[in-house]
PDB file of N, CA and C in Angstrom:
ATOM      1  N   UNK A   1       0.858  -1.173   0.000  1.00  0.00           N
ATOM      2  CA  UNK A   1       0.000   0.000   0.000  1.00  0.00           C
ATOM      3  C   UNK A   1       0.895   1.222   0.000  1.00  0.00           C
ATOM      4  N   UNK A   2       0.575   2.224  -0.788  1.00  0.00           N
ATOM      5  CA  UNK A   2       1.374   3.443  -0.690  1.00  0.00           C
ATOM      6  C   UNK A   2       1.430   3.894   0.762  1.00  0.00           C
ATOM      7  N   UNK A   3       2.428   4.689   1.083  1.00  0.00           N
ATOM      8  CA  UNK A   3       2.688   5.055   2.474  1.00  0.00           C
ATOM      9  C   UNK A   3       1.614   5.919   3.108  1.00  0.00           C
ATOM     10  N   UNK A   4       0.718   6.463   2.319  1.00  0.00           N
ATOM     11  CA  UNK A   4      -0.267   7.378   2.870  1.00  0.00           C
ATOM     12  C   UNK A   4      -1.661   7.085   2.334  1.00  0.00           C
ATOM     13  N   UNK A   5      -2.645   7.370   3.164  1.00  0.00           N
ATOM     14  CA  UNK A   5      -4.027   7.240   2.722  1.00  0.00           C
ATOM     15  C   UNK A   5      -4.829   8.431   3.223  1.00  0.00           C
ATOM     16  N   UNK A   6      -5.906   8.694   2.518  1.00  0.00           N
ATOM     17  CA  UNK A   6      -6.803   9.797   2.821  1.00  0.00           C
ATOM     18  C   UNK A   6      -8.191   9.206   3.011  1.00  0.00           C
ATOM     19  N   UNK A   7      -8.789   9.467   4.167  1.00  0.00           N
ATOM     20  CA  UNK A   7     -10.124   8.940   4.457  1.00  0.00           C
ATOM     21  C   UNK A   7     -11.164  10.018   4.201  1.00  0.00           C
ATOM     22  N   UNK A   8     -12.166   9.674   3.422  1.00  0.00           N
ATOM     23  CA  UNK A   8     -13.243  10.583   3.072  1.00  0.00           C
ATOM     24  C   UNK A   8     -14.124  10.856   4.289  1.00  0.00           C
ATOM     25  N   UNK A   9     -14.983  11.846   4.182  1.00  0.00           N
ATOM     26  CA  UNK A   9     -15.815  12.316   5.294  1.00  0.00           C
ATOM     27  C   UNK A   9     -16.575  11.202   6.015  1.00  0.00           C
ATOM     28  N   UNK A  10     -17.266  10.277   5.326  1.00  0.00           N
ATOM     29  CA  UNK A  10     -18.040   9.285   6.087  1.00  0.00           C
ATOM     30  C   UNK A  10     -17.188   8.248   6.822  1.00  0.00           C
ATOM     31  N   UNK A  11     -15.882   8.252   6.604  1.00  0.00           N
ATOM     32  CA  UNK A  11     -14.992   7.279   7.240  1.00  0.00           C
ATOM     33  C   UNK A  11     -14.558   7.832   8.603  1.00  0.00           C
ATOM     34  N   UNK A  12     -14.663   7.016   9.614  1.00  0.00           N
ATOM     35  CA  UNK A  12     -14.373   7.426  10.990  1.00  0.00           C
ATOM     36  C   UNK A  12     -12.882   7.690  11.217  1.00  0.00           C
ATOM     37  N   UNK A  13     -12.609   8.585  12.159  1.00  0.00           N
ATOM     38  CA  UNK A  13     -11.229   8.830  12.577  1.00  0.00           C
ATOM     39  C   UNK A  13     -10.611   7.569  13.187  1.00  0.00           C
ATOM     40  N   UNK A  14     -11.421   6.628  13.659  1.00  0.00           N
ATOM     41  CA  UNK A  14     -10.883   5.358  14.172  1.00  0.00           C
ATOM     42  C   UNK A  14     -10.142   4.605  13.079  1.00  0.00           C
ATOM     43  N   UNK A  15     -10.618   4.728  11.849  1.00  0.00           N
ATOM     44  CA  UNK A  15      -9.950   4.066  10.718  1.00  0.00           C
ATOM     45  C   UNK A  15      -8.620   4.752  10.437  1.00  0.00           C
ATOM     46  N   UNK A  16      -8.598   6.071  10.535  1.00  0.00           N
ATOM     47  CA  UNK A  16      -7.341   6.824  10.379  1.00  0.00           C
ATOM     48  C   UNK A  16      -6.329   6.326  11.421  1.00  0.00           C
ATOM     49  N   UNK A  17      -6.765   6.238  12.659  1.00  0.00           N
ATOM     50  CA  UNK A  17      -5.863   5.764  13.721  1.00  0.00           C
ATOM     51  C   UNK A  17      -5.401   4.331  13.474  1.00  0.00           C
ATOM     52  N   UNK A  18      -6.296   3.472  12.970  1.00  0.00           N
ATOM     53  CA  UNK A  18      -5.922   2.091  12.660  1.00  0.00           C
ATOM     54  C   UNK A  18      -4.758   2.065  11.664  1.00  0.00           C
ATOM     55  N   UNK A  19      -4.873   2.836  10.591  1.00  0.00           N
ATOM     56  CA  UNK A  19      -3.791   2.844   9.592  1.00  0.00           C
ATOM     57  C   UNK A  19      -2.495   3.394  10.177  1.00  0.00           C
ATOM     58  N   UNK A  20      -2.590   4.439  10.980  1.00  0.00           N
ATOM     59  CA  UNK A  20      -1.385   4.995  11.607  1.00  0.00           C
ATOM     60  C   UNK A  20      -0.715   3.956  12.506  1.00  0.00           C
ATOM     61  N   UNK A  21      -1.516   3.168  13.212  1.00  0.00           N
ATOM     62  CA  UNK A  21      -0.960   2.124  14.076  1.00  0.00           C
ATOM     63  C   UNK A  21      -0.263   1.032  13.270  1.00  0.00           C
ATOM     64  N   UNK A  22      -0.585   0.945  11.975  1.00  0.00           N
ATOM     65  CA  UNK A  22       0.035  -0.045  11.096  1.00  0.00           C
ATOM     66  C   UNK A  22       1.037   0.609  10.137  1.00  0.00           C
ATOM     67  N   UNK A  23       1.613   1.713  10.579  1.00  0.00           N
ATOM     68  CA  UNK A  23       2.679   2.419   9.860  1.00  0.00           C
ATOM     69  C   UNK A  23       2.269   2.914   8.478  1.00  0.00           C
ATOM     70  N   UNK A  24       1.002   3.239   8.330  1.00  0.00           N
ATOM     71  CA  UNK A  24       0.505   3.860   7.101  1.00  0.00           C
ATOM     72  C   UNK A  24       0.025   5.251   7.501  1.00  0.00           C
ATOM     73  N   UNK A  25       0.718   6.267   7.005  1.00  0.00           N
ATOM     74  CA  UNK A  25       0.345   7.631   7.346  1.00  0.00           C
ATOM     75  C   UNK A  25      -1.030   7.910   6.765  1.00  0.00           C
ATOM     76  N   UNK A  26      -1.962   8.258   7.605  1.00  0.00           N
ATOM     77  CA  UNK A  26      -3.339   8.468   7.166  1.00  0.00           C
ATOM     78  C   UNK A  26      -3.853   9.770   7.744  1.00  0.00           C
ATOM     79  N   UNK A  27      -4.717  10.391   6.990  1.00  0.00           N
ATOM     80  CA  UNK A  27      -5.390  11.566   7.501  1.00  0.00           C
ATOM     81  C   UNK A  27      -6.775  11.650   6.910  1.00  0.00           C
ATOM     82  N   UNK A  28      -7.569  12.560   7.432  1.00  0.00           N
ATOM     83  CA  UNK A  28      -8.985  12.662   7.111  1.00  0.00           C
ATOM     84  C   UNK A  28      -9.237  13.885   6.245  1.00  0.00           C
ATOM     85  N   UNK A  29     -10.237  13.794   5.373  1.00  0.00           N
ATOM     86  CA  UNK A  29     -10.615  14.924   4.528  1.00  0.00           C
ATOM     87  C   UNK A  29     -10.865  16.179   5.366  1.00  0.00           C
ATOM     88  N   UNK A  30     -11.348  16.003   6.579  1.00  0.00           N
ATOM     89  CA  UNK A  30     -11.595  17.158   7.440  1.00  0.00           C
ATOM     90  C   UNK A  30     -10.320  17.884   7.845  1.00  0.00           C
ATOM     91  N   UNK A  31      -9.157  17.322   7.507  1.00  0.00           N
ATOM     92  CA  UNK A  31      -7.889  17.993   7.755  1.00  0.00           C
ATOM     93  C   UNK A  31      -7.433  18.823   6.551  1.00  0.00           C
ATOM     94  N   UNK A  32      -8.151  18.730   5.429  1.00  0.00           N
ATOM     95  CA  UNK A  32      -7.863  19.557   4.253  1.00  0.00           C
ATOM     96  C   UNK A  32      -8.384  20.975   4.511  1.00  0.00           C
ATOM     97  N   UNK A  33      -7.891  21.958   3.765  1.00  0.00           N
ATOM     98  CA  UNK A  33      -8.311  23.349   4.008  1.00  0.00           C
ATOM     99  C   UNK A  33      -9.829  23.561   3.991  1.00  0.00           C
ATOM    100  N   UNK A  34     -10.545  22.953   3.047  1.00  0.00           N
ATOM    101  CA  UNK A  34     -11.993  23.157   2.960  1.00  0.00           C
ATOM    102  C   UNK A  34     -12.794  22.100   3.715  1.00  0.00           C
ATOM    103  N   UNK A  35     -12.096  21.228   4.430  1.00  0.00           N
ATOM    104  CA  UNK A  35     -12.713  20.181   5.256  1.00  0.00           C
ATOM    105  C   UNK A  35     -13.809  19.440   4.493  1.00  0.00           C
ATOM    106  N   UNK A  36     -14.960  19.265   5.120  1.00  0.00           N
ATOM    107  CA  UNK A  36     -16.059  18.495   4.513  1.00  0.00           C
ATOM    108  C   UNK A  36     -16.704  19.219   3.344  1.00  0.00           C
ATOM    109  N   UNK A  37     -16.314  20.478   3.110  1.00  0.00           N
ATOM    110  CA  UNK A  37     -16.827  21.202   1.950  1.00  0.00           C
ATOM    111  C   UNK A  37     -16.003  20.929   0.687  1.00  0.00           C
ATOM    112  N   UNK A  38     -14.914  20.179   0.826  1.00  0.00           N
ATOM    113  CA  UNK A  38     -14.059  19.873  -0.327  1.00  0.00           C
ATOM    114  C   UNK A  38     -14.862  19.135  -1.389  1.00  0.00           C
ATOM    115  N   UNK A  39     -14.717  19.558  -2.627  1.00  0.00           N
ATOM    116  CA  UNK A  39     -15.410  18.906  -3.739  1.00  0.00           C
ATOM    117  C   UNK A  39     -14.730  17.574  -4.046  1.00  0.00           C
ATOM    118  N   UNK A  40     -15.531  16.623  -4.522  1.00  0.00           N
ATOM    119  CA  UNK A  40     -14.995  15.305  -4.863  1.00  0.00           C
ATOM    120  C   UNK A  40     -13.841  15.411  -5.848  1.00  0.00           C
ATOM    121  N   UNK A  41     -13.963  16.293  -6.836  1.00  0.00           N
ATOM    122  CA  UNK A  41     -12.899  16.434  -7.843  1.00  0.00           C
ATOM    123  C   UNK A  41     -11.599  16.918  -7.197  1.00  0.00           C
ATOM    124  N   UNK A  42     -11.703  17.813  -6.209  1.00  0.00           N
ATOM    125  CA  UNK A  42     -10.508  18.274  -5.498  1.00  0.00           C
ATOM    126  C   UNK A  42      -9.896  17.129  -4.697  1.00  0.00           C
ATOM    127  N   UNK A  43     -10.743  16.376  -3.994  1.00  0.00           N
ATOM    128  CA  UNK A  43     -10.256  15.262  -3.165  1.00  0.00           C
ATOM    129  C   UNK A  43      -9.536  14.229  -4.024  1.00  0.00           C
ATOM    130  N   UNK A  44     -10.145  13.850  -5.133  1.00  0.00           N
ATOM    131  CA  UNK A  44      -9.523  12.858  -6.032  1.00  0.00           C
ATOM    132  C   UNK A  44      -8.211  13.399  -6.599  1.00  0.00           C
ATOM    133  N   UNK A  45      -8.218  14.646  -7.045  1.00  0.00           N
ATOM    134  CA  UNK A  45      -6.995  15.253  -7.581  1.00  0.00           C
ATOM    135  C   UNK A  45      -5.908  15.361  -6.529  1.00  0.00           C
ATOM    136  N   UNK A  46      -6.283  15.723  -5.339  1.00  0.00           N
ATOM    137  CA  UNK A  46      -5.327  15.835  -4.236  1.00  0.00           C
ATOM    138  C   UNK A  46      -4.709  14.466  -3.938  1.00  0.00           C
ATOM    139  N   UNK A  47      -5.548  13.441  -3.880  1.00  0.00           N
ATOM    140  CA  UNK A  47      -5.052  12.083  -3.623  1.00  0.00           C
ATOM    141  C   UNK A  47      -4.079  11.652  -4.721  1.00  0.00           C
ATOM    142  N   UNK A  48      -4.444  11.894  -5.984  1.00  0.00           N
ATOM    143  CA  UNK A  48      -3.565  11.513  -7.098  1.00  0.00           C
ATOM    144  C   UNK A  48      -2.248  12.281  -7.061  1.00  0.00           C
ATOM    145  N   UNK A  49      -2.338  13.580  -6.853  1.00  0.00           N
ATOM    146  CA  UNK A  49      -1.141  14.436  -6.855  1.00  0.00           C
ATOM    147  C   UNK A  49      -0.162  14.027  -5.761  1.00  0.00           C
ATOM    148  N   UNK A  50      -0.702  13.562  -4.632  1.00  0.00           N
ATOM    149  CA  UNK A  50       0.132  13.230  -3.481  1.00  0.00           C
ATOM    150  C   UNK A  50       0.359  11.730  -3.297  1.00  0.00           C
ATOM    151  N   UNK A  51      -0.075  10.927  -4.278  1.00  0.00           N
ATOM    152  CA  UNK A  51       0.148   9.487  -4.224  1.00  0.00           C
ATOM    153  C   UNK A  51      -0.578   8.795  -3.085  1.00  0.00           C
ATOM    154  N   UNK A  52      -1.788   9.252  -2.783  1.00  0.00           N
ATOM    155  CA  UNK A  52      -2.553   8.712  -1.668  1.00  0.00           C
ATOM    156  C   UNK A  52      -3.576   7.682  -2.131  1.00  0.00           C
ATOM    157  N   UNK A  53      -3.873   6.744  -1.258  1.00  0.00           N
ATOM    158  CA  UNK A  53      -5.005   5.845  -1.433  1.00  0.00           C
ATOM    159  C   UNK A  53      -6.204   6.542  -0.808  1.00  0.00           C
ATOM    160  N   UNK A  54      -7.275   6.704  -1.572  1.00  0.00           N
ATOM    161  CA  UNK A  54      -8.486   7.304  -1.037  1.00  0.00           C
ATOM    162  C   UNK A  54      -9.404   6.192  -0.541  1.00  0.00           C
ATOM    163  N   UNK A  55      -9.874   6.330   0.677  1.00  0.00           N
ATOM    164  CA  UNK A  55     -10.797   5.366   1.272  1.00  0.00           C
ATOM    165  C   UNK A  55     -12.131   6.075   1.449  1.00  0.00           C
ATOM    166  N   UNK A  56     -13.184   5.520   0.854  1.00  0.00           N
ATOM    167  CA  UNK A  56     -14.465   6.213   0.816  1.00  0.00           C
ATOM    168  C   UNK A  56     -15.626   5.234   0.829  1.00  0.00           C
ATOM    169  N   UNK A  57     -16.810   5.766   1.005  1.00  0.00           N
ATOM    170  CA  UNK A  57     -18.045   5.008   0.814  1.00  0.00           C
ATOM    171  C   UNK A  57     -18.809   5.547  -0.392  1.00  0.00           C
ATOM    172  N   UNK A  58     -18.308   6.588  -0.998  1.00  0.00           N
ATOM    173  CA  UNK A  58     -18.989   7.351  -2.037  1.00  0.00           C
ATOM    174  C   UNK A  58     -18.843   6.702  -3.417  1.00  0.00           C
ATOM    175  N   UNK A  59     -19.962   6.369  -4.030  1.00  0.00           N
ATOM    176  CA  UNK A  59     -19.939   5.741  -5.354  1.00  0.00           C
ATOM    177  C   UNK A  59     -19.445   6.691  -6.442  1.00  0.00           C
ATOM    178  N   UNK A  60     -19.569   7.993  -6.225  1.00  0.00           N
ATOM    179  CA  UNK A  60     -19.085   8.958  -7.220  1.00  0.00           C
ATOM    180  C   UNK A  60     -17.595   8.782  -7.494  1.00  0.00           C
ATOM    181  N   UNK A  61     -16.824   8.435  -6.460  1.00  0.00           N
ATOM    182  CA  UNK A  61     -15.390   8.216  -6.662  1.00  0.00           C
ATOM    183  C   UNK A  61     -15.143   6.976  -7.510  1.00  0.00           C
ATOM    184  N   UNK A  62     -15.967   5.950  -7.347  1.00  0.00           N
ATOM    185  CA  UNK A  62     -15.857   4.753  -8.190  1.00  0.00           C
ATOM    186  C   UNK A  62     -16.090   5.133  -9.643  1.00  0.00           C
ATOM    187  N   UNK A  63     -17.150   5.896  -9.897  1.00  0.00           N
ATOM    188  CA  UNK A  63     -17.453   6.318 -11.265  1.00  0.00           C
ATOM    189  C   UNK A  63     -16.310   7.134 -11.842  1.00  0.00           C
ATOM    190  N   UNK A  64     -15.764   8.045 -11.067  1.00  0.00           N
ATOM    191  CA  UNK A  64     -14.649   8.866 -11.526  1.00  0.00           C
ATOM    192  C   UNK A  64     -13.412   8.014 -11.816  1.00  0.00           C
ATOM    193  N   UNK A  65     -13.175   7.026 -10.972  1.00  0.00           N
ATOM    194  CA  UNK A  65     -12.025   6.137 -11.160  1.00  0.00           C
ATOM    195  C   UNK A  65     -12.097   5.436 -12.516  1.00  0.00           C
ATOM    196  N   UNK A  66     -13.263   4.906 -12.845  1.00  0.00           N
ATOM    197  CA  UNK A  66     -13.386   4.133 -14.086  1.00  0.00           C
ATOM    198  C   UNK A  66     -13.617   5.007 -15.317  1.00  0.00           C
ATOM    199  N   UNK A  67     -14.269   6.139 -15.172  1.00  0.00           N
ATOM    200  CA  UNK A  67     -14.559   6.988 -16.328  1.00  0.00           C
ATOM    201  C   UNK A  67     -13.453   7.994 -16.634  1.00  0.00           C
ATOM    202  N   UNK A  68     -12.816   8.552 -15.580  1.00  0.00           N
ATOM    203  CA  UNK A  68     -11.814   9.597 -15.782  1.00  0.00           C
ATOM    204  C   UNK A  68     -10.411   9.189 -15.322  1.00  0.00           C
ATOM    205  N   UNK A  69     -10.310   8.049 -14.663  1.00  0.00           N
ATOM    206  CA  UNK A  69      -9.002   7.585 -14.200  1.00  0.00           C
ATOM    207  C   UNK A  69      -8.509   8.278 -12.942  1.00  0.00           C
ATOM    208  N   UNK A  70      -9.381   8.947 -12.238  1.00  0.00           N
ATOM    209  CA  UNK A  70      -9.016   9.642 -11.008  1.00  0.00           C
ATOM    210  C   UNK A  70     -10.117   9.351  -9.982  1.00  0.00           C
ATOM    211  N   UNK A  71      -9.768   8.937  -8.980  1.00  0.00           N
ATOM    212  CA  UNK A  71      -8.646   8.708  -8.102  1.00  0.00           C
ATOM    213  C   UNK A  71      -7.969   7.383  -8.507  1.00  0.00           C
ATOM    214  N   UNK A  72      -6.649   7.406  -8.636  1.00  0.00           N
ATOM    215  CA  UNK A  72      -5.928   6.234  -9.134  1.00  0.00           C
ATOM    216  C   UNK A  72      -5.946   5.052  -8.161  1.00  0.00           C
ATOM    217  N   UNK A  73      -5.859   5.319  -6.878  1.00  0.00           N
ATOM    218  CA  UNK A  73      -5.846   4.265  -5.856  1.00  0.00           C
ATOM    219  C   UNK A  73      -7.051   4.479  -4.952  1.00  0.00           C
ATOM    220  N   UNK A  74      -8.010   3.583  -5.066  1.00  0.00           N
ATOM    221  CA  UNK A  74      -9.287   3.790  -4.402  1.00  0.00           C
ATOM    222  C   UNK A  74      -9.742   2.527  -3.681  1.00  0.00           C
ATOM    223  N   UNK A  75     -10.120   2.695  -2.421  1.00  0.00           N
ATOM    224  CA  UNK A  75     -10.763   1.631  -1.659  1.00  0.00           C
ATOM    225  C   UNK A  75     -12.163   2.138  -1.334  1.00  0.00           C
ATOM    226  N   UNK A  76     -13.159   1.419  -1.812  1.00  0.00           N
ATOM    227  CA  UNK A  76     -14.546   1.810  -1.561  1.00  0.00           C
ATOM    228  C   UNK A  76     -15.180   0.805  -0.610  1.00  0.00           C
ATOM    229  N   UNK A  77     -15.731   1.325   0.469  1.00  0.00           N
ATOM    230  CA  UNK A  77     -16.389   0.520   1.486  1.00  0.00           C
ATOM    231  C   UNK A  77     -17.874   0.452   1.133  1.00  0.00           C
ATOM    232  N   UNK A  78     -18.390  -0.753   0.917  1.00  0.00           N
ATOM    233  CA  UNK A  78     -19.809  -0.916   0.549  1.00  0.00           C
ATOM    234  C   UNK A  78     -20.542  -1.731   1.607  1.00  0.00           C
ATOM    235  N   UNK A  79     -20.298  -1.393   2.843  1.00  0.00           N
ATOM    236  CA  UNK A  79     -20.832  -2.175   3.950  1.00  0.00           C
ATOM    237  C   UNK A  79     -21.976  -1.498   4.674  1.00  0.00           C
ATOM    238  N   UNK A  80     -22.462  -0.387   4.188  1.00  0.00           N
ATOM    239  CA  UNK A  80     -23.549   0.292   4.878  1.00  0.00           C
ATOM    240  C   UNK A  80     -23.100   0.807   6.227  1.00  0.00           C
ATOM    241  N   UNK A  81     -23.924   0.639   7.216  1.00  0.00           N
ATOM    242  CA  UNK A  81     -23.627   1.138   8.556  1.00  0.00           C
ATOM    243  C   UNK A  81     -22.928   0.092   9.408  1.00  0.00           C
ATOM    244  N   UNK A  82     -21.836  -0.409   8.919  1.00  0.00           N
ATOM    245  CA  UNK A  82     -21.043  -1.396   9.651  1.00  0.00           C
ATOM    246  C   UNK A  82     -20.362  -0.705  10.838  1.00  0.00           C
ATOM    247  N   UNK A  83     -20.137  -1.438  11.900  1.00  0.00           N
ATOM    248  CA  UNK A  83     -19.416  -0.862  13.038  1.00  0.00           C
ATOM    249  C   UNK A  83     -17.949  -0.660  12.648  1.00  0.00           C
ATOM    250  N   UNK A  84     -17.333   0.308  13.290  1.00  0.00           N
ATOM    251  CA  UNK A  84     -15.911   0.551  13.039  1.00  0.00           C
ATOM    252  C   UNK A  84     -15.078  -0.666  13.416  1.00  0.00           C
ATOM    253  N   UNK A  85     -15.479  -1.350  14.467  1.00  0.00           N
ATOM    254  CA  UNK A  85     -14.740  -2.528  14.909  1.00  0.00           C
ATOM    255  C   UNK A  85     -14.761  -3.628  13.841  1.00  0.00           C
ATOM    256  N   UNK A  86     -15.907  -3.833  13.211  1.00  0.00           N
ATOM    257  CA  UNK A  86     -16.003  -4.855  12.169  1.00  0.00           C
ATOM    258  C   UNK A  86     -15.178  -4.454  10.947  1.00  0.00           C
ATOM    259  N   UNK A  87     -15.228  -3.169  10.572  1.00  0.00           N
ATOM    260  CA  UNK A  87     -14.424  -2.701   9.442  1.00  0.00           C
ATOM    261  C   UNK A  87     -12.933  -2.842   9.743  1.00  0.00           C
ATOM    262  N   UNK A  88     -12.538  -2.508  10.946  1.00  0.00           N
ATOM    263  CA  UNK A  88     -11.134  -2.660  11.340  1.00  0.00           C
ATOM    264  C   UNK A  88     -10.736  -4.134  11.294  1.00  0.00           C
ATOM    265  N   UNK A  89     -11.623  -5.030  11.707  1.00  0.00           N
ATOM    266  CA  UNK A  89     -11.327  -6.470  11.638  1.00  0.00           C
ATOM    267  C   UNK A  89     -11.123  -6.916  10.190  1.00  0.00           C
ATOM    268  N   UNK A  90     -11.948  -6.396   9.278  1.00  0.00           N
ATOM    269  CA  UNK A  90     -11.785  -6.737   7.849  1.00  0.00           C
ATOM    270  C   UNK A  90     -10.449  -6.221   7.343  1.00  0.00           C
ATOM    271  N   UNK A  91     -10.110  -4.976   7.672  1.00  0.00           N
ATOM    272  CA  UNK A  91      -8.809  -4.430   7.260  1.00  0.00           C
ATOM    273  C   UNK A  91      -7.658  -5.227   7.877  1.00  0.00           C
ATOM    274  N   UNK A  92      -7.783  -5.571   9.146  1.00  0.00           N
ATOM    275  CA  UNK A  92      -6.725  -6.331   9.825  1.00  0.00           C
ATOM    276  C   UNK A  92      -6.490  -7.668   9.129  1.00  0.00           C
ATOM    277  N   UNK A  93      -7.556  -8.369   8.817  1.00  0.00           N
ATOM    278  CA  UNK A  93      -7.449  -9.693   8.196  1.00  0.00           C
ATOM    279  C   UNK A  93      -6.960  -9.642   6.756  1.00  0.00           C
ATOM    280  N   UNK A  94      -7.039  -8.476   6.123  1.00  0.00           N
ATOM    281  CA  UNK A  94      -6.697  -8.374   4.707  1.00  0.00           C
ATOM    282  C   UNK A  94      -5.655  -7.308   4.405  1.00  0.00           C
ATOM    283  N   UNK A  95      -4.988  -6.771   5.427  1.00  0.00           N
ATOM    284  CA  UNK A  95      -4.101  -5.628   5.223  1.00  0.00           C
ATOM    285  C   UNK A  95      -2.967  -5.928   4.250  1.00  0.00           C
ATOM    286  N   UNK A  96      -2.348  -7.084   4.357  1.00  0.00           N
ATOM    287  CA  UNK A  96      -1.242  -7.398   3.448  1.00  0.00           C
ATOM    288  C   UNK A  96      -1.740  -7.521   2.008  1.00  0.00           C
ATOM    289  N   UNK A  97      -2.864  -8.187   1.818  1.00  0.00           N
ATOM    290  CA  UNK A  97      -3.443  -8.338   0.489  1.00  0.00           C
ATOM    291  C   UNK A  97      -3.801  -6.972  -0.100  1.00  0.00           C
ATOM    292  N   UNK A  98      -4.435  -6.125   0.711  1.00  0.00           N
ATOM    293  CA  UNK A  98      -4.802  -4.783   0.258  1.00  0.00           C
ATOM    294  C   UNK A  98      -3.548  -3.985  -0.087  1.00  0.00           C
ATOM    295  N   UNK A  99      -2.545  -4.064   0.762  1.00  0.00           N
ATOM    296  CA  UNK A  99      -1.287  -3.342   0.512  1.00  0.00           C
ATOM    297  C   UNK A  99      -0.656  -3.775  -0.799  1.00  0.00           C
ATOM    298  N   UNK A 100      -0.631  -5.073  -1.053  1.00  0.00           N
ATOM    299  CA  UNK A 100      -0.058  -5.587  -2.295  1.00  0.00           C
ATOM    300  C   UNK A 100      -0.824  -5.066  -3.512  1.00  0.00           C
ATOM    301  N   UNK A 101      -2.157  -5.074  -3.445  1.00  0.00           N
ATOM    302  CA  UNK A 101      -2.980  -4.598  -4.558  1.00  0.00           C
ATOM    303  C   UNK A 101      -2.727  -3.123  -4.845  1.00  0.00           C
ATOM    304  N   UNK A 102      -2.575  -2.344  -3.791  1.00  0.00           N
ATOM    305  CA  UNK A 102      -2.464  -0.895  -3.953  1.00  0.00           C
ATOM    306  C   UNK A 102      -1.116  -0.457  -4.518  1.00  0.00           C
ATOM    307  N   UNK A 103      -0.179  -1.371  -4.691  1.00  0.00           N
ATOM    308  CA  UNK A 103       1.107  -1.029  -5.288  1.00  0.00           C
ATOM    309  C   UNK A 103       1.011  -0.864  -6.801  1.00  0.00           C
ATOM    310  N   UNK A 104      -0.096  -1.281  -7.391  1.00  0.00           N
ATOM    311  CA  UNK A 104      -0.301  -1.131  -8.834  1.00  0.00           C
ATOM    312  C   UNK A 104      -0.377   0.343  -9.201  1.00  0.00           C
ATOM    313  N   UNK A 105      -0.153   0.631 -10.475  1.00  0.00           N
ATOM    314  CA  UNK A 105      -0.238   2.012 -10.944  1.00  0.00           C
ATOM    315  C   UNK A 105      -1.638   2.584 -10.735  1.00  0.00           C
ATOM    316  N   UNK A 106      -2.635   1.721 -10.907  1.00  0.00           N
ATOM    317  CA  UNK A 106      -4.030   2.124 -10.737  1.00  0.00           C
ATOM    318  C   UNK A 106      -4.771   0.927 -10.150  1.00  0.00           C
ATOM    319  N   UNK A 107      -5.573   1.179  -9.115  1.00  0.00           N
ATOM    320  CA  UNK A 107      -6.236   0.057  -8.453  1.00  0.00           C
ATOM    321  C   UNK A 107      -7.535   0.503  -7.802  1.00  0.00           C
ATOM    322  N   UNK A 108      -8.562  -0.306  -7.972  1.00  0.00           N
ATOM    323  CA  UNK A 108      -9.858  -0.108  -7.308  1.00  0.00           C
ATOM    324  C   UNK A 108     -10.148  -1.354  -6.498  1.00  0.00           C
ATOM    325  N   UNK A 109     -10.474  -1.162  -5.241  1.00  0.00           N
ATOM    326  CA  UNK A 109     -10.803  -2.277  -4.371  1.00  0.00           C
ATOM    327  C   UNK A 109     -12.115  -1.962  -3.665  1.00  0.00           C
ATOM    328  N   UNK A 110     -13.064  -2.873  -3.799  1.00  0.00           N
ATOM    329  CA  UNK A 110     -14.344  -2.714  -3.120  1.00  0.00           C
ATOM    330  C   UNK A 110     -14.385  -3.691  -1.955  1.00  0.00           C
ATOM    331  N   UNK A 111     -14.676  -3.186  -0.785  1.00  0.00           N
ATOM    332  CA  UNK A 111     -14.691  -3.993   0.428  1.00  0.00           C
ATOM    333  C   UNK A 111     -16.127  -4.189   0.871  1.00  0.00           C
ATOM    334  N   UNK A 112     -16.496  -5.454   1.000  1.00  0.00           N
ATOM    335  CA  UNK A 112     -17.820  -5.844   1.446  1.00  0.00           C
ATOM    336  C   UNK A 112     -17.620  -6.856   2.560  1.00  0.00           C
ATOM    337  N   UNK A 113     -18.625  -7.118   3.357  1.00  0.00           N
ATOM    338  CA  UNK A 113     -18.445  -8.104   4.425  1.00  0.00           C
ATOM    339  C   UNK A 113     -18.323  -9.521   3.884  1.00  0.00           C
ATOM    340  N   UNK A 114     -18.672  -9.729   2.617  1.00  0.00           N
ATOM    341  CA  UNK A 114     -18.593 -11.043   1.995  1.00  0.00           C
ATOM    342  C   UNK A 114     -17.342 -11.231   1.132  1.00  0.00           C
ATOM    343  N   UNK A 115     -16.765 -10.137   0.619  1.00  0.00           N
ATOM    344  CA  UNK A 115     -15.667 -10.267  -0.344  1.00  0.00           C
ATOM    345  C   UNK A 115     -14.872  -8.979  -0.468  1.00  0.00           C
ATOM    346  N   UNK A 116     -13.695  -9.121  -1.089  1.00  0.00           N
ATOM    347  CA  UNK A 116     -12.898  -7.994  -1.576  1.00  0.00           C
ATOM    348  C   UNK A 116     -12.903  -8.105  -3.085  1.00  0.00           C
ATOM    349  N   UNK A 117     -13.407  -7.091  -3.762  1.00  0.00           N
ATOM    350  CA  UNK A 117     -13.431  -7.103  -5.230  1.00  0.00           C
ATOM    351  C   UNK A 117     -12.334  -6.196  -5.737  1.00  0.00           C
ATOM    352  N   UNK A 118     -11.462  -6.739  -6.554  1.00  0.00           N
ATOM    353  CA  UNK A 118     -10.292  -6.021  -7.026  1.00  0.00           C
ATOM    354  C   UNK A 118     -10.364  -5.754  -8.513  1.00  0.00           C
ATOM    355  N   UNK A 119      -9.949  -4.562  -8.897  1.00  0.00           N
ATOM    356  CA  UNK A 119      -9.795  -4.228 -10.313  1.00  0.00           C
ATOM    357  C   UNK A 119      -8.481  -3.476 -10.432  1.00  0.00           C
ATOM    358  N   UNK A 120      -7.466  -4.124 -11.023  1.00  0.00           N
ATOM    359  CA  UNK A 120      -6.163  -3.488 -11.214  1.00  0.00           C
ATOM    360  C   UNK A 120      -6.000  -3.155 -12.690  1.00  0.00           C
ATOM    361  N   UNK A 121      -5.360  -2.024 -12.932  1.00  0.00           N
ATOM    362  CA  UNK A 121      -5.033  -1.678 -14.309  1.00  0.00           C
ATOM    363  C   UNK A 121      -3.596  -1.281 -14.405  1.00  0.00           C
TER     364      UNK A 121
END
């Protein structure tokens, strides 16, 4: 996994802390200058420019990834209102696999409680 990740607004700060505890520098969109008012296009561009993996629940980023090629490294959580503890358990059990996938030039990973769906280009 690239050394840094950016968590979108609906992603809890607990997830940011989880990545930091696993030596992945992570921060939250609310730490950007425009915080939660940041436009999706700015967030995706910022992630690409800085080599970040964007972690989101927003389907718009998926569409942008496949139609415009931005955000290049994207993890989309499709678990609804899952507890942070359950999401952290999924990340814990799959962190090495996720890290390996994210080393690609371009990668989309969808995380569900049943599967990890990968699309590398």
